[in-house]
Structures are given as C-alpha cells and as structure tokens.
Amino acid sequence: MSFSVRFTPGAKNDIDRLYAFLLQHDIDTAERALQAIKDAMKFLETYPFSCRKANSQNPWLREILVPFGNSGYLMLFEIENAQTITILAIRHQREEDYY
C-alpha cells in the first residue's frame, strides 16, 4: 500500500523556516537537512503505521523522528485515510516548542 503525503500550510512554513535557519550558516547543511526530511516523507509513503503514536487517544496521530546530526527533527502527521497522510508540523528537537 502506498500513501500520498501532503502538508498543511503550517508544515510548509516549518520547512521553510528550518531551511532558512540552516541556510544562514551553510548551504550544504541546509540541503542535507532538507534531504533527510524528504527521506522521512518517502518512508511514510509505505510505513506510516510503524511510527509511534503521538496521542494515546488518537491512533491516527503519529510522529516520526528524523535523525540529523547530533539531534534531528520531529514530524507530526495524521493518517487521514487509506490513501493520504498529512504532515501537520515539523520541529527541530532543540526548539523550545518541541512539544
């Protein structure tokens, strides 16, 4: 089974914000981080149920850890139906509002 992955406007803004932050320091690092996020999205197309539940009350709300460097990113997503996954938010693990 293959899922289609889509983004909320907020999640798109998160990617832009994270990329812009890294771009201030090093374009290669920014590109590698973006690729790590894309790789995680590719994983979700096939294996979304292997990711941990974000809320015990909602089995469709899940999160995936995206390793990058000494920490990484957390992508919060929802399995909408048998065909669609929606990325709700992406945060760096060291951000204040990580959760």
Protein backbone atom coordinates (compact mmCIF):
# COMPACT_ATOMS: atom_id res chain seq x y z
CA MET A 1 0.00 0.00 0.00
CA SER A 2 1.31 3.43 -0.89
CA PHE A 3 0.15 6.65 0.73
CA SER A 4 0.14 10.15 -0.67
CA VAL A 5 1.90 12.63 1.63
CA ARG A 6 0.63 16.19 1.81
CA PHE A 7 1.36 19.19 4.06
CA THR A 8 -0.68 21.68 5.99
CA PRO A 9 0.28 25.30 5.29
CA GLY A 10 1.86 25.39 8.76
CA ALA A 11 4.05 22.39 8.00
CA LYS A 12 5.20 24.01 4.75
CA ASN A 13 6.10 27.11 6.75
CA ASP A 14 8.02 24.92 9.20
CA ILE A 15 10.16 23.51 6.38
CA ASP A 16 10.84 26.99 5.02
CA ARG A 17 11.75 28.27 8.48
CA LEU A 18 14.07 25.36 9.29
CA TYR A 19 15.77 25.56 5.90
CA ALA A 20 16.24 29.35 6.15
CA PHE A 21 17.80 28.98 9.60
CA LEU A 22 20.39 26.48 8.35
CA LEU A 23 20.96 28.44 5.16
CA GLN A 24 22.30 31.33 7.25
CA HIS A 25 25.17 29.06 8.30
CA ASP A 26 25.87 26.61 5.48
CA ILE A 27 24.05 25.72 2.26
CA ASP A 28 25.33 22.13 2.28
CA THR A 29 23.95 21.52 5.77
CA ALA A 30 20.62 23.07 4.78
CA GLU A 31 20.40 20.81 1.73
CA ARG A 32 21.30 17.69 3.74
CA ALA A 33 18.62 18.53 6.33
CA LEU A 34 16.04 19.00 3.59
CA GLN A 35 17.04 15.65 2.10
CA ALA A 36 16.66 13.94 5.49
CA ILE A 37 13.11 15.32 5.73
CA LYS A 38 12.35 14.16 2.17
CA ASP A 39 13.69 10.69 3.00
CA ALA A 40 11.36 10.52 6.02
CA MET A 41 8.43 11.51 3.83
CA LYS A 42 9.34 8.71 1.41
CA PHE A 43 9.37 6.28 4.34
CA LEU A 44 5.88 7.45 5.35
CA GLU A 45 4.52 6.64 1.90
CA THR A 46 4.93 2.95 2.74
CA TYR A 47 5.30 2.53 6.51
CA PRO A 48 3.27 5.16 8.41
CA PHE A 49 1.94 2.64 10.93
CA SER A 50 5.47 1.82 12.08
CA CYS A 51 5.80 5.30 13.59
CA ARG A 52 4.96 5.93 17.20
CA LYS A 53 1.60 7.24 18.30
CA ALA A 54 1.68 10.89 19.34
CA ASN A 55 -1.50 10.63 21.38
CA SER A 56 -2.87 7.52 23.04
CA GLN A 57 -6.42 8.76 22.43
CA ASN A 58 -5.93 9.11 18.67
CA PRO A 59 -4.26 6.15 16.90
CA TRP A 60 -4.13 8.09 13.62
CA LEU A 61 -1.97 10.91 15.02
CA ARG A 62 1.66 9.83 14.84
CA GLU A 63 5.19 11.17 14.76
CA ILE A 64 8.42 10.21 13.12
CA LEU A 65 11.89 11.10 14.29
CA VAL A 66 14.16 12.32 11.53
CA PRO A 67 17.79 11.89 12.60
CA PHE A 68 20.13 14.69 11.58
CA GLY A 69 23.47 15.48 13.15
CA ASN A 70 23.52 15.28 16.93
CA SER A 71 19.75 15.61 17.18
CA GLY A 72 17.15 15.82 14.42
CA TYR A 73 13.60 16.72 13.60
CA LEU A 74 10.19 15.53 14.67
CA MET A 75 7.40 15.35 12.11
CA LEU A 76 3.86 15.18 13.44
CA PHE A 77 1.44 13.61 10.97
CA GLU A 78 -2.04 12.20 10.73
CA ILE A 79 -3.15 9.18 8.75
CA GLU A 80 -6.24 10.66 7.10
CA ASN A 81 -7.45 7.55 5.27
CA ALA A 82 -6.12 4.54 3.35
CA GLN A 83 -4.51 6.81 0.76
CA THR A 84 -3.47 10.04 2.48
CA ILE A 85 -1.09 11.19 5.18
CA THR A 86 -0.97 14.84 6.23
CA ILE A 87 2.16 16.34 7.78
CA LEU A 88 0.91 18.72 10.47
CA ALA A 89 4.14 20.16 11.87
CA ILE A 90 7.92 19.78 11.77
CA ARG A 91 10.15 20.88 14.63
CA HIS A 92 13.82 20.63 15.45
CA GLN A 93 14.30 18.62 18.63
CA ARG A 94 16.11 21.51 20.29
CA GLU A 95 13.37 24.06 19.72
CA GLU A 96 11.61 25.43 22.78
CA ASP A 97 8.19 24.40 21.47
CA TYR A 98 9.40 20.92 20.50
CA TYR A 99 6.22 19.50 22.03
